[in-house]
């Protein structure tokens, strides 16, 4: 389990959630177009609740969700 400091270092963006957890995310450019967003949702104790991969096109429209 990562600590809050480790999550903040790896994921430069985050929002606090009403239950005390956090939603972290980072974007990576696609090889030819678009971008990938990795989303990590953690509980208040920083234990991972969900890990999501989202794929967006050049216009920023979500095209895949894993």
PDB file of N, CA and C in Angstrom:
ATOM      1  N   UNK A   1       0.847  -1.174   0.000  1.00  0.00           N
ATOM      2  CA  UNK A   1       0.000   0.000   0.000  1.00  0.00           C
ATOM      3  C   UNK A   1       0.896   1.243   0.000  1.00  0.00           C
ATOM      4  N   UNK A   2       0.597   2.163  -0.889  1.00  0.00           N
ATOM      5  CA  UNK A   2       1.370   3.402  -0.983  1.00  0.00           C
ATOM      6  C   UNK A   2       0.905   4.396   0.086  1.00  0.00           C
ATOM      7  N   UNK A   3       1.817   5.244   0.510  1.00  0.00           N
ATOM      8  CA  UNK A   3       1.473   6.298   1.460  1.00  0.00           C
ATOM      9  C   UNK A   3       0.939   7.503   0.689  1.00  0.00           C
ATOM     10  N   UNK A   4       0.368   8.454   1.396  1.00  0.00           N
ATOM     11  CA  UNK A   4      -0.141   9.662   0.766  1.00  0.00           C
ATOM     12  C   UNK A   4       0.976  10.395   0.022  1.00  0.00           C
ATOM     13  N   UNK A   5       2.158  10.460   0.633  1.00  0.00           N
ATOM     14  CA  UNK A   5       3.288  11.134   0.001  1.00  0.00           C
ATOM     15  C   UNK A   5       3.698  10.436  -1.299  1.00  0.00           C
ATOM     16  N   UNK A   6       3.701   9.113  -1.299  1.00  0.00           N
ATOM     17  CA  UNK A   6       4.049   8.366  -2.507  1.00  0.00           C
ATOM     18  C   UNK A   6       3.013   8.585  -3.606  1.00  0.00           C
ATOM     19  N   UNK A   7       1.731   8.575  -3.235  1.00  0.00           N
ATOM     20  CA  UNK A   7       0.678   8.817  -4.219  1.00  0.00           C
ATOM     21  C   UNK A   7       0.772  10.230  -4.784  1.00  0.00           C
ATOM     22  N   UNK A   8       1.030  11.220  -3.938  1.00  0.00           N
ATOM     23  CA  UNK A   8       1.139  12.599  -4.397  1.00  0.00           C
ATOM     24  C   UNK A   8       2.348  12.786  -5.317  1.00  0.00           C
ATOM     25  N   UNK A   9       3.414  12.035  -5.082  1.00  0.00           N
ATOM     26  CA  UNK A   9       4.606  12.125  -5.933  1.00  0.00           C
ATOM     27  C   UNK A   9       4.336  11.518  -7.304  1.00  0.00           C
ATOM     28  N   UNK A  10       3.661  10.378  -7.337  1.00  0.00           N
ATOM     29  CA  UNK A  10       3.407   9.692  -8.609  1.00  0.00           C
ATOM     30  C   UNK A  10       2.267  10.341  -9.389  1.00  0.00           C
ATOM     31  N   UNK A  11       1.193  10.689  -8.700  1.00  0.00           N
ATOM     32  CA  UNK A  11       0.022  11.290  -9.335  1.00  0.00           C
ATOM     33  C   UNK A  11       0.000  12.778  -8.962  1.00  0.00           C
ATOM     34  N   UNK A  12       0.326  13.634  -9.907  1.00  0.00           N
ATOM     35  CA  UNK A  12       0.454  15.071  -9.629  1.00  0.00           C
ATOM     36  C   UNK A  12      -0.894  15.765  -9.446  1.00  0.00           C
ATOM     37  N   UNK A  13      -1.994  15.109  -9.788  1.00  0.00           N
ATOM     38  CA  UNK A  13      -3.330  15.699  -9.678  1.00  0.00           C
ATOM     39  C   UNK A  13      -4.187  14.865  -8.739  1.00  0.00           C
ATOM     40  N   UNK A  14      -4.987  15.531  -7.900  1.00  0.00           N
ATOM     41  CA  UNK A  14      -5.906  14.804  -7.044  1.00  0.00           C
ATOM     42  C   UNK A  14      -7.012  15.730  -6.547  1.00  0.00           C
ATOM     43  N   UNK A  15      -8.128  15.070  -6.150  1.00  0.00           N
ATOM     44  CA  UNK A  15      -9.257  15.735  -5.514  1.00  0.00           C
ATOM     45  C   UNK A  15      -9.576  14.965  -4.246  1.00  0.00           C
ATOM     46  N   UNK A  16      -9.900  15.670  -3.193  1.00  0.00           N
ATOM     47  CA  UNK A  16     -10.362  15.014  -1.971  1.00  0.00           C
ATOM     48  C   UNK A  16     -11.818  14.629  -2.149  1.00  0.00           C
ATOM     49  N   UNK A  17     -12.181  13.464  -1.647  1.00  0.00           N
ATOM     50  CA  UNK A  17     -13.551  12.964  -1.744  1.00  0.00           C
ATOM     51  C   UNK A  17     -14.280  13.211  -0.422  1.00  0.00           C
ATOM     52  N   UNK A  18     -15.612  13.280  -0.450  1.00  0.00           N
ATOM     53  CA  UNK A  18     -16.381  13.562   0.765  1.00  0.00           C
ATOM     54  C   UNK A  18     -16.160  12.563   1.903  1.00  0.00           C
ATOM     55  N   UNK A  19     -15.819  11.319   1.568  1.00  0.00           N
ATOM     56  CA  UNK A  19     -15.628  10.290   2.601  1.00  0.00           C
ATOM     57  C   UNK A  19     -14.223  10.293   3.196  1.00  0.00           C
ATOM     58  N   UNK A  20     -13.378  11.267   2.798  1.00  0.00           N
ATOM     59  CA  UNK A  20     -12.011  11.346   3.312  1.00  0.00           C
ATOM     60  C   UNK A  20     -10.981  10.718   2.407  1.00  0.00           C
ATOM     61  N   UNK A  21     -11.418  10.014   1.379  1.00  0.00           N
ATOM     62  CA  UNK A  21     -10.496   9.415   0.422  1.00  0.00           C
ATOM     63  C   UNK A  21     -10.039  10.439  -0.598  1.00  0.00           C
ATOM     64  N   UNK A  22      -9.355   9.966  -1.605  1.00  0.00           N
ATOM     65  CA  UNK A  22      -8.867  10.843  -2.666  1.00  0.00           C
ATOM     66  C   UNK A  22      -9.001  10.167  -4.015  1.00  0.00           C
ATOM     67  N   UNK A  23      -9.126  10.995  -5.040  1.00  0.00           N
ATOM     68  CA  UNK A  23      -9.128  10.533  -6.432  1.00  0.00           C
ATOM     69  C   UNK A  23      -7.884  11.131  -7.082  1.00  0.00           C
ATOM     70  N   UNK A  24      -6.892  10.279  -7.369  1.00  0.00           N
ATOM     71  CA  UNK A  24      -5.652  10.696  -8.011  1.00  0.00           C
ATOM     72  C   UNK A  24      -5.741  10.378  -9.501  1.00  0.00           C
ATOM     73  N   UNK A  25      -5.053  11.164 -10.356  1.00  0.00           N
ATOM     74  CA  UNK A  25      -4.973  10.832 -11.765  1.00  0.00           C
ATOM     75  C   UNK A  25      -3.726  11.420 -12.401  1.00  0.00           C
ATOM     76  N   UNK A  26      -3.321  10.762 -13.510  1.00  0.00           N
ATOM     77  CA  UNK A  26      -2.227  11.268 -14.327  1.00  0.00           C
ATOM     78  C   UNK A  26      -2.545  10.955 -15.780  1.00  0.00           C
ATOM     79  N   UNK A  27      -2.075  11.826 -16.672  1.00  0.00           N
ATOM     80  CA  UNK A  27      -2.302  11.675 -18.103  1.00  0.00           C
ATOM     81  C   UNK A  27      -0.993  11.339 -18.793  1.00  0.00           C
ATOM     82  N   UNK A  28      -1.097  10.500 -19.821  1.00  0.00           N
ATOM     83  CA  UNK A  28       0.055  10.141 -20.653  1.00  0.00           C
ATOM     84  C   UNK A  28      -0.356  10.292 -22.109  1.00  0.00           C
ATOM     85  N   UNK A  29       0.501  10.912 -22.901  1.00  0.00           N
ATOM     86  CA  UNK A  29       0.220  11.083 -24.328  1.00  0.00           C
ATOM     87  C   UNK A  29       0.185   9.728 -25.017  1.00  0.00           C
ATOM     88  N   UNK A  30      -0.707   9.597 -25.998  1.00  0.00           N
ATOM     89  CA  UNK A  30      -0.781   8.372 -26.779  1.00  0.00           C
ATOM     90  C   UNK A  30       0.377   8.280 -27.751  1.00  0.00           C
ATOM     91  N   UNK A  31       0.653   7.099 -28.252  1.00  0.00           N
ATOM     92  CA  UNK A  31       1.765   6.890 -29.179  1.00  0.00           C
ATOM     93  C   UNK A  31       1.550   7.646 -30.487  1.00  0.00           C
ATOM     94  N   UNK A  32       0.316   7.682 -30.965  1.00  0.00           N
ATOM     95  CA  UNK A  32       0.037   8.384 -32.220  1.00  0.00           C
ATOM     96  C   UNK A  32      -0.966   9.515 -32.051  1.00  0.00           C
ATOM     97  N   UNK A  33      -1.874   9.389 -31.104  1.00  0.00           N
ATOM     98  CA  UNK A  33      -2.874  10.438 -30.880  1.00  0.00           C
ATOM     99  C   UNK A  33      -3.556  10.216 -29.541  1.00  0.00           C
ATOM    100  N   UNK A  34      -4.314  11.202 -29.099  1.00  0.00           N
ATOM    101  CA  UNK A  34      -5.077  11.083 -27.868  1.00  0.00           C
ATOM    102  C   UNK A  34      -4.190  10.968 -26.635  1.00  0.00           C
ATOM    103  N   UNK A  35      -4.826  10.527 -25.541  1.00  0.00           N
ATOM    104  CA  UNK A  35      -4.067  10.330 -24.314  1.00  0.00           C
ATOM    105  C   UNK A  35      -4.754   9.301 -23.425  1.00  0.00           C
ATOM    106  N   UNK A  36      -3.987   8.780 -22.487  1.00  0.00           N
ATOM    107  CA  UNK A  36      -4.456   7.799 -21.517  1.00  0.00           C
ATOM    108  C   UNK A  36      -4.500   8.495 -20.161  1.00  0.00           C
ATOM    109  N   UNK A  37      -5.546   8.240 -19.404  1.00  0.00           N
ATOM    110  CA  UNK A  37      -5.632   8.757 -18.038  1.00  0.00           C
ATOM    111  C   UNK A  37      -5.726   7.567 -17.089  1.00  0.00           C
ATOM    112  N   UNK A  38      -4.818   7.507 -16.138  1.00  0.00           N
ATOM    113  CA  UNK A  38      -4.853   6.499 -15.085  1.00  0.00           C
ATOM    114  C   UNK A  38      -5.461   7.171 -13.860  1.00  0.00           C
ATOM    115  N   UNK A  39      -6.521   6.580 -13.323  1.00  0.00           N
ATOM    116  CA  UNK A  39      -7.224   7.118 -12.162  1.00  0.00           C
ATOM    117  C   UNK A  39      -7.099   6.110 -11.025  1.00  0.00           C
ATOM    118  N   UNK A  40      -6.695   6.590  -9.863  1.00  0.00           N
ATOM    119  CA  UNK A  40      -6.574   5.735  -8.672  1.00  0.00           C
ATOM    120  C   UNK A  40      -7.447   6.343  -7.583  1.00  0.00           C
ATOM    121  N   UNK A  41      -8.400   5.579  -7.098  1.00  0.00           N
ATOM    122  CA  UNK A  41      -9.275   6.037  -6.023  1.00  0.00           C
ATOM    123  C   UNK A  41      -8.876   5.295  -4.756  1.00  0.00           C
ATOM    124  N   UNK A  42      -8.614   6.069  -3.701  1.00  0.00           N
ATOM    125  CA  UNK A  42      -8.164   5.479  -2.446  1.00  0.00           C
ATOM    126  C   UNK A  42      -9.099   5.865  -1.306  1.00  0.00           C
ATOM    127  N   UNK A  43      -9.130   5.031  -0.277  1.00  0.00           N
ATOM    128  CA  UNK A  43      -9.895   5.302   0.939  1.00  0.00           C
ATOM    129  C   UNK A  43      -9.116   6.285   1.805  1.00  0.00           C
ATOM    130  N   UNK A  44      -9.689   6.688   2.908  1.00  0.00           N
ATOM    131  CA  UNK A  44      -9.043   7.662   3.790  1.00  0.00           C
ATOM    132  C   UNK A  44      -7.718   7.156   4.356  1.00  0.00           C
ATOM    133  N   UNK A  45      -7.535   5.840   4.434  1.00  0.00           N
ATOM    134  CA  UNK A  45      -6.262   5.279   4.917  1.00  0.00           C
ATOM    135  C   UNK A  45      -5.276   5.023   3.769  1.00  0.00           C
ATOM    136  N   UNK A  46      -5.595   5.553   2.560  1.00  0.00           N
ATOM    137  CA  UNK A  46      -4.784   5.436   1.345  1.00  0.00           C
ATOM    138  C   UNK A  46      -4.753   4.024   0.763  1.00  0.00           C
ATOM    139  N   UNK A  47      -5.632   3.139   1.208  1.00  0.00           N
ATOM    140  CA  UNK A  47      -5.723   1.819   0.578  1.00  0.00           C
ATOM    141  C   UNK A  47      -6.488   1.980  -0.740  1.00  0.00           C
ATOM    142  N   UNK A  48      -6.018   1.294  -1.779  1.00  0.00           N
ATOM    143  CA  UNK A  48      -6.605   1.424  -3.106  1.00  0.00           C
ATOM    144  C   UNK A  48      -7.989   0.798  -3.137  1.00  0.00           C
ATOM    145  N   UNK A  49      -8.963   1.564  -3.613  1.00  0.00           N
ATOM    146  CA  UNK A  49     -10.333   1.094  -3.765  1.00  0.00           C
ATOM    147  C   UNK A  49     -10.575   0.684  -5.213  1.00  0.00           C
ATOM    148  N   UNK A  50     -10.060   1.496  -6.149  1.00  0.00           N
ATOM    149  CA  UNK A  50     -10.295   1.237  -7.566  1.00  0.00           C
ATOM    150  C   UNK A  50      -9.164   1.839  -8.396  1.00  0.00           C
ATOM    151  N   UNK A  51      -8.797   1.152  -9.482  1.00  0.00           N
ATOM    152  CA  UNK A  51      -7.809   1.639 -10.434  1.00  0.00           C
ATOM    153  C   UNK A  51      -8.465   1.584 -11.807  1.00  0.00           C
ATOM    154  N   UNK A  52      -8.479   2.717 -12.517  1.00  0.00           N
ATOM    155  CA  UNK A  52      -9.209   2.842 -13.778  1.00  0.00           C
ATOM    156  C   UNK A  52      -8.268   3.341 -14.861  1.00  0.00           C
ATOM    157  N   UNK A  53      -8.425   2.815 -16.074  1.00  0.00           N
ATOM    158  CA  UNK A  53      -7.707   3.323 -17.243  1.00  0.00           C
ATOM    159  C   UNK A  53      -8.754   3.900 -18.185  1.00  0.00           C
ATOM    160  N   UNK A  54      -8.563   5.162 -18.585  1.00  0.00           N
ATOM    161  CA  UNK A  54      -9.454   5.815 -19.527  1.00  0.00           C
ATOM    162  C   UNK A  54      -8.646   6.231 -20.751  1.00  0.00           C
ATOM    163  N   UNK A  55      -9.215   6.026 -21.938  1.00  0.00           N
ATOM    164  CA  UNK A  55      -8.568   6.393 -23.189  1.00  0.00           C
ATOM    165  C   UNK A  55      -9.394   7.502 -23.839  1.00  0.00           C
ATOM    166  N   UNK A  56      -8.718   8.598 -24.208  1.00  0.00           N
ATOM    167  CA  UNK A  56      -9.374   9.754 -24.812  1.00  0.00           C
ATOM    168  C   UNK A  56      -8.816   9.988 -26.209  1.00  0.00           C
ATOM    169  N   UNK A  57      -9.661  10.552 -27.093  1.00  0.00           N
ATOM    170  CA  UNK A  57      -9.179  10.920 -28.424  1.00  0.00           C
ATOM    171  C   UNK A  57      -8.565  12.319 -28.389  1.00  0.00           C
ATOM    172  N   UNK A  58      -8.152  12.822 -29.553  1.00  0.00           N
ATOM    173  CA  UNK A  58      -7.503  14.134 -29.625  1.00  0.00           C
ATOM    174  C   UNK A  58      -8.400  15.274 -29.157  1.00  0.00           C
ATOM    175  N   UNK A  59      -9.702  15.102 -29.264  1.00  0.00           N
ATOM    176  CA  UNK A  59     -10.652  16.142 -28.866  1.00  0.00           C
ATOM    177  C   UNK A  59     -10.977  16.079 -27.369  1.00  0.00           C
ATOM    178  N   UNK A  60     -10.403  15.117 -26.665  1.00  0.00           N
ATOM    179  CA  UNK A  60     -10.662  14.969 -25.232  1.00  0.00           C
ATOM    180  C   UNK A  60     -11.934  14.211 -24.912  1.00  0.00           C
ATOM    181  N   UNK A  61     -12.447  13.463 -25.886  1.00  0.00           N
ATOM    182  CA  UNK A  61     -13.655  12.673 -25.702  1.00  0.00           C
ATOM    183  C   UNK A  61     -13.264  11.271 -25.238  1.00  0.00           C
ATOM    184  N   UNK A  62     -13.886  10.807 -24.165  1.00  0.00           N
ATOM    185  CA  UNK A  62     -13.626   9.467 -23.635  1.00  0.00           C
ATOM    186  C   UNK A  62     -14.095   8.429 -24.652  1.00  0.00           C
ATOM    187  N   UNK A  63     -13.183   7.511 -25.046  1.00  0.00           N
ATOM    188  CA  UNK A  63     -13.562   6.487 -26.026  1.00  0.00           C
ATOM    189  C   UNK A  63     -13.482   5.072 -25.455  1.00  0.00           C
ATOM    190  N   UNK A  64     -12.716   4.868 -24.384  1.00  0.00           N
ATOM    191  CA  UNK A  64     -12.640   3.554 -23.734  1.00  0.00           C
ATOM    192  C   UNK A  64     -12.479   3.760 -22.226  1.00  0.00           C
ATOM    193  N   UNK A  65     -12.988   2.780 -21.476  1.00  0.00           N
ATOM    194  CA  UNK A  65     -12.929   2.821 -20.006  1.00  0.00           C
ATOM    195  C   UNK A  65     -12.694   1.400 -19.516  1.00  0.00           C
ATOM    196  N   UNK A  66     -11.591   1.186 -18.795  1.00  0.00           N
ATOM    197  CA  UNK A  66     -11.260  -0.172 -18.310  1.00  0.00           C
ATOM    198  C   UNK A  66     -11.127  -0.158 -16.814  1.00  0.00           C
TER     199      UNK A  66
END
